[in-house]
C-alpha atoms as a PDB file:
ATOM      1  CA  ARG A   1     -34.066  47.983 102.830  1.00  0.00           C
ATOM      2  CA  LEU A   2     -36.129  48.504 100.212  1.00  0.00           C
ATOM      3  CA  LEU A   3     -35.069  45.818  96.781  1.00  0.00           C
ATOM      4  CA  THR A   4     -33.127  47.302  93.621  1.00  0.00           C
ATOM      5  CA  GLU A   5     -34.116  46.995  90.859  1.00  0.00           C
ATOM      6  CA  ALA A   6     -32.325  44.112  89.998  1.00  0.00           C
ATOM      7  CA  GLU A   7     -33.589  41.848  92.518  1.00  0.00           C
ATOM      8  CA  TRP A   8     -36.963  42.909  91.826  1.00  0.00           C
ATOM      9  CA  GLU A   9     -37.144  41.739  88.618  1.00  0.00           C
ATOM     10  CA  TRP A  10     -35.201  38.704  88.816  1.00  0.00           C
ATOM     11  CA  LEU A  11     -38.239  37.854  92.225  1.00  0.00           C
ATOM     12  CA  ALA A  12     -41.032  39.009  88.990  1.00  0.00           C
ATOM     13  CA  ARG A  13     -38.694  37.063  85.660  1.00  0.00           C
ATOM     14  CA  LYS A  14     -37.015  34.756  87.422  1.00  0.00           C
ATOM     15  CA  ALA A  15     -37.355  32.955  90.386  1.00  0.00           C
ATOM     16  CA  GLY A  16     -38.422  29.173  91.066  1.00  0.00           C
ATOM     17  CA  ARG A  17     -38.405  29.024  86.754  1.00  0.00           C
ATOM     18  CA  SER A  18     -36.289  27.664  84.324  1.00  0.00           C
ATOM     19  CA  ALA A  19     -36.188  30.450  81.752  1.00  0.00           C
ATOM     20  CA  GLN A  20     -36.617  34.080  82.391  1.00  0.00           C
ATOM     21  CA  THR A  21     -40.643  35.410  81.802  1.00  0.00           C
ATOM     22  CA  VAL A  22     -41.751  38.301  80.214  1.00  0.00           C
ATOM     23  CA  PHE A  23     -44.740  38.805  82.516  1.00  0.00           C
ATOM     24  CA  VAL A  24     -45.100  37.370  86.371  1.00  0.00           C
ATOM     25  CA  TRP A  25     -47.566  34.407  84.961  1.00  0.00           C
ATOM     26  CA  GLY A  26     -45.002  33.526  82.492  1.00  0.00           C
ATOM     27  CA  TYR A  27     -45.179  33.963  78.609  1.00  0.00           C
ATOM     28  CA  ASP A  28     -48.530  34.287  77.312  1.00  0.00           C
ATOM     29  CA  LYS A  29     -50.311  37.355  77.080  1.00  0.00           C
ATOM     30  CA  THR A  30     -53.635  35.594  78.481  1.00  0.00           C
ATOM     31  CA  ILE A  31     -53.476  36.763  81.775  1.00  0.00           C
ATOM     32  CA  PRO A  32     -54.361  33.728  83.880  1.00  0.00           C
ATOM     33  CA  PRO A  33     -57.345  33.676  86.345  1.00  0.00           C
ATOM     34  CA  LYS A  34     -56.239  35.588  89.823  1.00  0.00           C
ATOM     35  CA  ALA A  35     -52.918  36.084  88.816  1.00  0.00           C
ATOM     36  CA  ALA A  36     -52.907  39.775  89.242  1.00  0.00           C
ATOM     37  CA  ASN A  37     -54.753  43.208  90.710  1.00  0.00           C
ATOM     38  CA  ILE A  38     -54.992  45.002  87.887  1.00  0.00           C
ATOM     39  CA  ALA A  39     -56.998  46.948  85.375  1.00  0.00           C
ATOM     40  CA  ASP A  40     -59.876  44.857  84.704  1.00  0.00           C
ATOM     41  CA  GLU A  41     -63.743  44.774  83.738  1.00  0.00           C
ATOM     42  CA  SER A  42     -64.677  46.645  86.965  1.00  0.00           C
ATOM     43  CA  ALA A  43     -61.865  49.832  86.304  1.00  0.00           C
ATOM     44  CA  LYS A  44     -64.024  50.367  83.362  1.00  0.00           C
ATOM     45  CA  GLY A  45     -64.940  53.718  82.694  1.00  0.00           C
ATOM     46  CA  SER A  46     -62.323  55.116  85.741  1.00  0.00           C
ATOM     47  CA  VAL A  47     -59.309  54.221  83.894  1.00  0.00           C
ATOM     48  CA  THR A  48     -57.335  54.956  80.567  1.00  0.00           C
ATOM     49  CA  HIS A  49     -57.067  50.805  79.535  1.00  0.00           C
ATOM     50  CA  TYR A  50     -58.239  48.438  81.063  1.00  0.00           C
ATOM     51  CA  VAL A  51     -57.989  44.274  80.276  1.00  0.00           C
ATOM     52  CA  PRO A  52     -60.815  43.324  79.350  1.00  0.00           C
ATOM     53  CA  ARG A  53     -62.810  39.333  79.611  1.00  0.00           C
ATOM     54  CA  TYR A  54     -60.764  40.051  82.962  1.00  0.00           C
ATOM     55  CA  ASN A  55     -61.887  39.948  85.935  1.00  0.00           C
ATOM     56  CA  ASP A  56     -59.920  40.193  88.964  1.00  0.00           C
ATOM     57  CA  GLY A  57     -62.716  41.232  91.854  1.00  0.00           C
ATOM     58  CA  TYR A  58     -60.921  44.434  93.015  1.00  0.00           C
ATOM     59  CA  ALA A  59     -62.035  47.445  91.064  1.00  0.00           C
ATOM     60  CA  GLY A  60     -58.664  49.098  93.641  1.00  0.00           C
ATOM     61  CA  VAL A  61     -56.247  47.772  95.995  1.00  0.00           C
ATOM     62  CA  ALA A  62     -56.911  43.947  97.368  1.00  0.00           C
ATOM     63  CA  PRO A  63     -55.527  42.568 100.256  1.00  0.00           C
ATOM     64  CA  VAL A  64     -52.216  41.354 100.442  1.00  0.00           C
ATOM     65  CA  LYS A  65     -52.689  37.908  99.176  1.00  0.00           C
ATOM     66  CA  SER A  66     -55.578  37.171  97.300  1.00  0.00           C
ATOM     67  CA  MET A  67     -53.918  36.686  94.561  1.00  0.00           C
ATOM     68  CA  LYS A  68     -52.712  33.098  93.923  1.00  0.00           C
ATOM     69  CA  ARG A  69     -48.924  32.522  94.862  1.00  0.00           C
ATOM     70  CA  GLU A  70     -46.297  33.681  92.258  1.00  0.00           C
ATOM     71  CA  LEU A  71     -44.427  31.167  90.877  1.00  0.00           C
ATOM     72  CA  SER A  72     -41.365  33.069  92.751  1.00  0.00           C
ATOM     73  CA  GLY A  73     -43.188  31.675  95.763  1.00  0.00           C
ATOM     74  CA  LEU A  74     -44.212  35.152  96.326  1.00  0.00           C
ATOM     75  CA  PHE A  75     -47.758  37.036  95.950  1.00  0.00           C
ATOM     76  CA  ASP A  76     -48.695  40.822  94.471  1.00  0.00           C
ATOM     77  CA  MET A  77     -45.917  41.453  92.302  1.00  0.00           C
ATOM     78  CA  GLY A  78     -47.769  41.191  88.743  1.00  0.00           C
ATOM     79  CA  GLY A  79     -50.457  43.813  89.946  1.00  0.00           C
ATOM     80  CA  ASN A  80     -52.272  45.361  93.557  1.00  0.00           C
ATOM     81  CA  VAL A  81     -49.898  47.986  93.579  1.00  0.00           C
ATOM     82  CA  SER A  82     -46.758  48.851  91.909  1.00  0.00           C
ATOM     83  CA  GLU A  83     -43.799  48.773  93.682  1.00  0.00           C
ATOM     84  CA  TRP A  84     -40.971  51.405  95.188  1.00  0.00           C
ATOM     85  CA  THR A  85     -37.303  50.389  94.600  1.00  0.00           C
ATOM     86  CA  HIS A  86     -33.792  51.321  95.882  1.00  0.00           C
ATOM     87  CA  ASP A  87     -32.190  52.698  92.597  1.00  0.00           C
ATOM     88  CA  SER A  88     -32.832  55.981  91.163  1.00  0.00           C
ATOM     89  CA  TYR A  89     -34.697  56.857  88.346  1.00  0.00           C
ATOM     90  CA  SER A  90     -32.666  58.199  84.895  1.00  0.00           C
ATOM     91  CA  LEU A  91     -33.908  57.669  81.454  1.00  0.00           C
ATOM     92  CA  THR A  92     -29.927  57.906  80.652  1.00  0.00           C
ATOM     93  CA  VAL A  93     -29.258  55.258  78.008  1.00  0.00           C
ATOM     94  CA  PRO A  94     -26.098  53.178  78.630  1.00  0.00           C
ATOM     95  CA  LYS A  95     -23.304  52.754  77.384  1.00  0.00           C
ATOM     96  CA  GLN A  96     -23.267  50.308  74.293  1.00  0.00           C
ATOM     97  CA  GLY A  97     -20.737  47.277  75.345  1.00  0.00           C
ATOM     98  CA  ARG A  98     -20.131  48.398  78.678  1.00  0.00           C
ATOM     99  CA  THR A  99     -20.834  45.749  81.969  1.00  0.00           C
ATOM    100  CA  TYR A 100     -22.216  47.486  84.496  1.00  0.00           C
ATOM    101  CA  SER A 101     -22.336  45.368  87.838  1.00  0.00           C
ATOM    102  CA  GLN A 102     -24.872  45.737  90.878  1.00  0.00           C
ATOM    103  CA  THR A 103     -24.439  47.742  92.875  1.00  0.00           C
ATOM    104  CA  LEU A 104     -25.889  49.739  96.004  1.00  0.00           C
ATOM    105  CA  ASP A 105     -27.217  53.046  94.642  1.00  0.00           C
ATOM    106  CA  THR A 106     -25.563  56.072  96.760  1.00  0.00           C
ATOM    107  CA  THR A 107     -27.305  58.914  94.881  1.00  0.00           C
ATOM    108  CA  LEU A 108     -29.432  61.080  95.765  1.00  0.00           C
ATOM    109  CA  VAL A 109     -31.934  62.070  93.523  1.00  0.00           C
ATOM    110  CA  ASP A 110     -35.433  63.292  93.519  1.00  0.00           C
ATOM    111  CA  GLU A 111     -37.174  59.965  91.633  1.00  0.00           C
ATOM    112  CA  HIS A 112     -37.323  56.780  92.199  1.00  0.00           C
ATOM    113  CA  VAL A 113     -37.504  52.779  90.157  1.00  0.00           C
ATOM    114  CA  VAL A 114     -40.904  52.100  90.675  1.00  0.00           C
ATOM    115  CA  LYS A 115     -41.641  48.197  89.281  1.00  0.00           C
ATOM    116  CA  GLY A 116     -44.650  46.226  89.179  1.00  0.00           C
ATOM    117  CA  ALA A 117     -48.359  46.699  87.732  1.00  0.00           C
ATOM    118  CA  ASN A 118     -50.785  48.011  90.010  1.00  0.00           C
ATOM    119  CA  TRP A 119     -54.663  47.698  89.790  1.00  0.00           C
ATOM    120  CA  ARG A 120     -55.100  50.622  87.260  1.00  0.00           C
ATOM    121  CA  SER A 121     -52.407  49.289  85.065  1.00  0.00           C
ATOM    122  CA  GLY A 122     -54.327  47.965  81.486  1.00  0.00           C
ATOM    123  CA  THR A 123     -51.366  47.712  78.958  1.00  0.00           C
ATOM    124  CA  LEU A 124     -49.485  44.826  77.940  1.00  0.00           C
ATOM    125  CA  THR A 125     -46.610  47.166  78.375  1.00  0.00           C
ATOM    126  CA  GLU A 126     -47.841  48.018  81.528  1.00  0.00           C
ATOM    127  CA  LEU A 127     -48.363  44.616  82.476  1.00  0.00           C
ATOM    128  CA  ARG A 128     -44.562  43.354  81.496  1.00  0.00           C
ATOM    129  CA  ALA A 129     -42.278  42.772  84.808  1.00  0.00           C
ATOM    130  CA  SER A 130     -39.882  44.945  83.053  1.00  0.00           C
ATOM    131  CA  TYR A 131     -42.220  47.164  82.538  1.00  0.00           C
ATOM    132  CA  ARG A 132     -40.674  51.076  84.879  1.00  0.00           C
ATOM    133  CA  ASP A 133     -41.600  54.120  86.443  1.00  0.00           C
ATOM    134  CA  GLY A 134     -40.134  56.885  88.013  1.00  0.00           C
ATOM    135  CA  ALA A 135     -41.728  58.500  91.424  1.00  0.00           C
ATOM    136  CA  SER A 136     -41.293  61.377  93.626  1.00  0.00           C
ATOM    137  CA  GLN A 137     -44.315  61.475  95.222  1.00  0.00           C
ATOM    138  CA  PRO A 138     -46.445  59.101  97.380  1.00  0.00           C
ATOM    139  CA  ARG A 139     -49.620  57.695  95.104  1.00  0.00           C
ATOM    140  CA  ASP A 140     -52.345  55.501  96.224  1.00  0.00           C
ATOM    141  CA  ASP A 141     -51.075  52.930  93.595  1.00  0.00           C
ATOM    142  CA  ILE A 142     -47.499  52.690  94.739  1.00  0.00           C
ATOM    143  CA  GLY A 143     -46.372  50.178  98.012  1.00  0.00           C
ATOM    144  CA  PHE A 144     -43.056  48.732  99.290  1.00  0.00           C
ATOM    145  CA  ARG A 145     -41.804  45.116  99.443  1.00  0.00           C
ATOM    146  CA  LEU A 146     -38.683  44.968 101.919  1.00  0.00           C
ATOM    147  CA  GLY A 147     -35.942  42.965 101.565  1.00  0.00           C
ATOM    148  CA  ARG A 148     -32.635  42.594 103.695  1.00  0.00           C
ATOM    149  CA  PHE A 149     -28.832  40.952 102.723  1.00  0.00           C
ATOM    150  CA  VAL A 150     -28.182  37.214 103.283  1.00  0.00           C
ATOM    151  CA  TYR A 151     -24.256  36.775 103.783  1.00  0.00           C
ATOM    152  CA  GLY A 152     -22.655  33.450 103.116  1.00  0.00           C
ATOM    153  CA  GLY A 153     -22.016  30.547 105.660  1.00  0.00           C
ATOM    154  CA  GLN A 154     -18.238  28.839 106.168  1.00  0.00           C
END
């Protein structure tokens, strides 16, 4: 199954860390070498925004695991391709003061939440692990990550 938006964001911002972070690589706006395949110097001229003085070695999609392993133990959550999630995309603001439990979204809508930066992402907003987008059609900068249910033992 596809990850839920909450699962994806927990893996990108909290898993393997003592505190929740802003970016997959931590809090620093300076991107460490080989942290993510994003719109870098090589994308200059082909994208609207790019990250100056950063070069990941790929102008487009990179082979999986081309970047360093992330703090979560996973690869490529900070860039390469954005990822479909199971959840439906909505811009409806939740009611203030209400707590929502994370349940598996069963609504059928045209757009699903897309999480994570990709090789075309070049702004701080897009590079934040909390950034979300919606999409209904495949694109060459969207992929997916599979998850599974794990049930507790006895």
